[in-house]
C-alpha atoms as a PDB file:
ATOM      1  CA  MET A   1      73.281 104.452 119.304  1.00  0.00           C
ATOM      2  CA  GLU A   2      77.065 104.091 120.542  1.00  0.00           C
ATOM      3  CA  VAL A   3      80.048 105.178 118.656  1.00  0.00           C
ATOM      4  CA  ASN A   4      83.055 104.156 120.619  1.00  0.00           C
ATOM      5  CA  LEU A   5      87.015 104.813 118.554  1.00  0.00           C
ATOM      6  CA  ASN A   6      88.605 101.419 117.982  1.00  0.00           C
ATOM      7  CA  GLY A   7      91.653 102.360 116.721  1.00  0.00           C
ATOM      8  CA  VAL A   8      94.006 104.287 114.615  1.00  0.00           C
ATOM      9  CA  GLY A   9      96.288 103.712 111.759  1.00  0.00           C
ATOM     10  CA  LEU A  10      99.098 105.449 110.329  1.00  0.00           C
ATOM     11  CA  PHE A  11     100.099 105.137 106.941  1.00  0.00           C
ATOM     12  CA  ILE A  12     102.962 105.900 105.356  1.00  0.00           C
ATOM     13  CA  ASP A  13     102.125 106.190 101.374  1.00  0.00           C
ATOM     14  CA  ALA A  14     105.454 105.065  99.466  1.00  0.00           C
ATOM     15  CA  TRP A  15     105.976 102.526 101.882  1.00  0.00           C
ATOM     16  CA  ASN A  16     104.764  99.966  99.462  1.00  0.00           C
ATOM     17  CA  LYS A  17     105.135 101.282  95.743  1.00  0.00           C
ATOM     18  CA  ASP A  18     103.233  97.949  94.894  1.00  0.00           C
ATOM     19  CA  SER A  19      99.883  99.190  96.479  1.00  0.00           C
ATOM     20  CA  TYR A  20      96.590  99.596  94.943  1.00  0.00           C
ATOM     21  CA  ILE A  21      96.122 103.062  96.408  1.00  0.00           C
ATOM     22  CA  GLN A  22      98.220 105.952  96.471  1.00  0.00           C
ATOM     23  CA  TYR A  23      97.498 109.089  97.541  1.00  0.00           C
ATOM     24  CA  GLY A  24     101.207 110.635  97.428  1.00  0.00           C
ATOM     25  CA  TYR A  25     101.198 111.605 101.265  1.00  0.00           C
ATOM     26  CA  ASP A  26     101.321 110.000 104.677  1.00  0.00           C
ATOM     27  CA  TYR A  27      97.915 110.082 106.373  1.00  0.00           C
ATOM     28  CA  ILE A  28      96.382 108.798 109.328  1.00  0.00           C
ATOM     29  CA  VAL A  29      92.897 106.924 109.657  1.00  0.00           C
ATOM     30  CA  SER A  30      90.418 106.867 112.978  1.00  0.00           C
ATOM     31  CA  TYR A  31      87.869 103.544 112.973  1.00  0.00           C
ATOM     32  CA  LEU A  32      84.773 103.963 115.022  1.00  0.00           C
ATOM     33  CA  PRO A  33      82.600 101.118 114.800  1.00  0.00           C
ATOM     34  CA  VAL A  34      78.988 101.725 114.858  1.00  0.00           C
ATOM     35  CA  ILE A  35      76.357 100.208 117.260  1.00  0.00           C
ATOM     36  CA  TYR A  36      72.560 100.288 117.397  1.00  0.00           C
ATOM     37  CA  ASN A  37      71.145  98.107 120.349  1.00  0.00           C
ATOM     38  CA  GLU A  38      74.364  96.323 120.561  1.00  0.00           C
ATOM     39  CA  GLU A  39      74.129  95.251 116.850  1.00  0.00           C
ATOM     40  CA  GLU A  40      77.453  96.507 115.257  1.00  0.00           C
ATOM     41  CA  LEU A  41      76.265  97.851 111.764  1.00  0.00           C
ATOM     42  CA  GLY A  42      79.548  98.799 110.144  1.00  0.00           C
ATOM     43  CA  THR A  43      82.645 101.247 110.617  1.00  0.00           C
ATOM     44  CA  TYR A  44      82.868 104.616 109.996  1.00  0.00           C
ATOM     45  CA  LYS A  45      86.712 105.737 108.902  1.00  0.00           C
ATOM     46  CA  LEU A  46      88.209 109.291 109.133  1.00  0.00           C
ATOM     47  CA  PHE A  47      91.217 110.453 107.344  1.00  0.00           C
ATOM     48  CA  PHE A  48      93.613 113.116 107.957  1.00  0.00           C
ATOM     49  CA  THR A  49      96.390 114.195 107.150  1.00  0.00           C
ATOM     50  CA  LEU A  50      99.540 114.918 109.661  1.00  0.00           C
ATOM     51  CA  ASP A  51      99.009 118.246 110.044  1.00  0.00           C
ATOM     52  CA  GLY A  52      95.721 117.254 111.603  1.00  0.00           C
ATOM     53  CA  GLU A  53      93.301 118.225 108.417  1.00  0.00           C
ATOM     54  CA  ILE A  54      90.273 116.274 107.917  1.00  0.00           C
ATOM     55  CA  TRP A  55      90.572 115.188 104.164  1.00  0.00           C
ATOM     56  CA  ASP A  56      88.012 112.183 103.731  1.00  0.00           C
ATOM     57  CA  ASP A  57      85.527 109.890 105.316  1.00  0.00           C
ATOM     58  CA  THR A  58      83.811 106.543 104.634  1.00  0.00           C
ATOM     59  CA  PHE A  59      81.341 104.390 106.153  1.00  0.00           C
ATOM     60  CA  SER A  60      81.411 100.748 105.768  1.00  0.00           C
ATOM     61  CA  SER A  61      78.355  98.866 106.712  1.00  0.00           C
ATOM     62  CA  LEU A  62      78.741  94.849 107.459  1.00  0.00           C
END
């Protein structure tokens, strides 16, 4: 199994008032593809507040 950081995003919650999801605060998301036997199984996302606290995580399969 191989897990490598693929990207990091900073989301400014009030940037778009018409967005579908708003949490009421800015946050950071790290994107980690999950690879097993050279096949990408999906992406693990870890959500952080701007002070470094983890507040959620998700896994999306392909």
